[in-house]
Amino acid sequence: MNCIETERQGKTAIVRFSREKSYNAMNDELITEFAQTVGLIEESDVRTVILTGKGKAFSAGGDVTSMRNIAQAERGKFFNSLTVPLHEAIAGIVKSEKIWIAAVNGIAAGAGVSTALACDITVASRDTKFILSYEKIGLSPDGGATFFLNQLLGFKKAIEIIIMDPAIDAEEALRLNIINQCFEPEHLIEEALKIAKQINEKSFDAVSASKKLVRASYLEALKMQLDREAKSIAKMAQTRNAEIGINAFMEKRLPKFR
């Protein structure tokens, strides 16, 4: 694989987004490989998975460069081709019998935030910033962001974060219960491995059954919301405001939406 690196340490798999020069932005190749990796890991005998990013970012979210190169009329189909495997990966993590631990390093934006929230346990380095950024380019969220934020924070705070789009640092994310713990950057993977080790030493049958019970209470609702998000972002991608937002982002200026 070109965009995903995987290694194994005992009963734990470490999965890294590896488009380092692009801050692990999610293009079609990375997303496809990510969905494939989730499936392959589910068939393996590992018990825990640590998901992180190579370099200075967990993931900058969707690759805006690739979005700009698609004609406005074709962007709906383009986004659909991205959200299908992305949502397959997100649903796969939620349904997985493995325990997925997001170790968020540096920047997590857009679908990078969604992916971190989808994991069972989320830890972050102290220099991490979470920012959705969809509104900046005239799009609505995907990857389950609207679902997970609503579950974690309730409607009022979720809609505030989605619409106002603040940058949330690790300490604030911890206060909001978006993450479980935060660590110094140089110790992030070490600490994530410690958590994985503690889980690996427990009864795997009991751990998996417990996850299944907790997740089952809203799994069908998540599936429906992922479908709504996919349809919404494909629709938004074809609007003039999305064109304005994407161009402004690439030209490093503020958008002037209509």
Foldseek 3Di string as FASTA:
>chain_A
DPQWDWDDDVLEIEIEGEPQVQLSADDLVSLQVLLVVLVVVLVDRRAEYEQAYPYQWRYAYHDLVVLLVDDLVCLLVRLLSRLVSLLSNLLSQLLGLHQYEYETGHEQEALSLLSQLSGPAYEYAQNYKYWHCQVLLQFAGASLLLPSCCVQQNDPVSVCCRNVTDIAGRVNCCVSVSHVYYHHNVCRVVVVVVVSVVQVPDDSVVSSVVSCVVSVVCSVVSVVVNVVRSNRRSVRSSDPSNNQSSVCVVVVHGGDGD
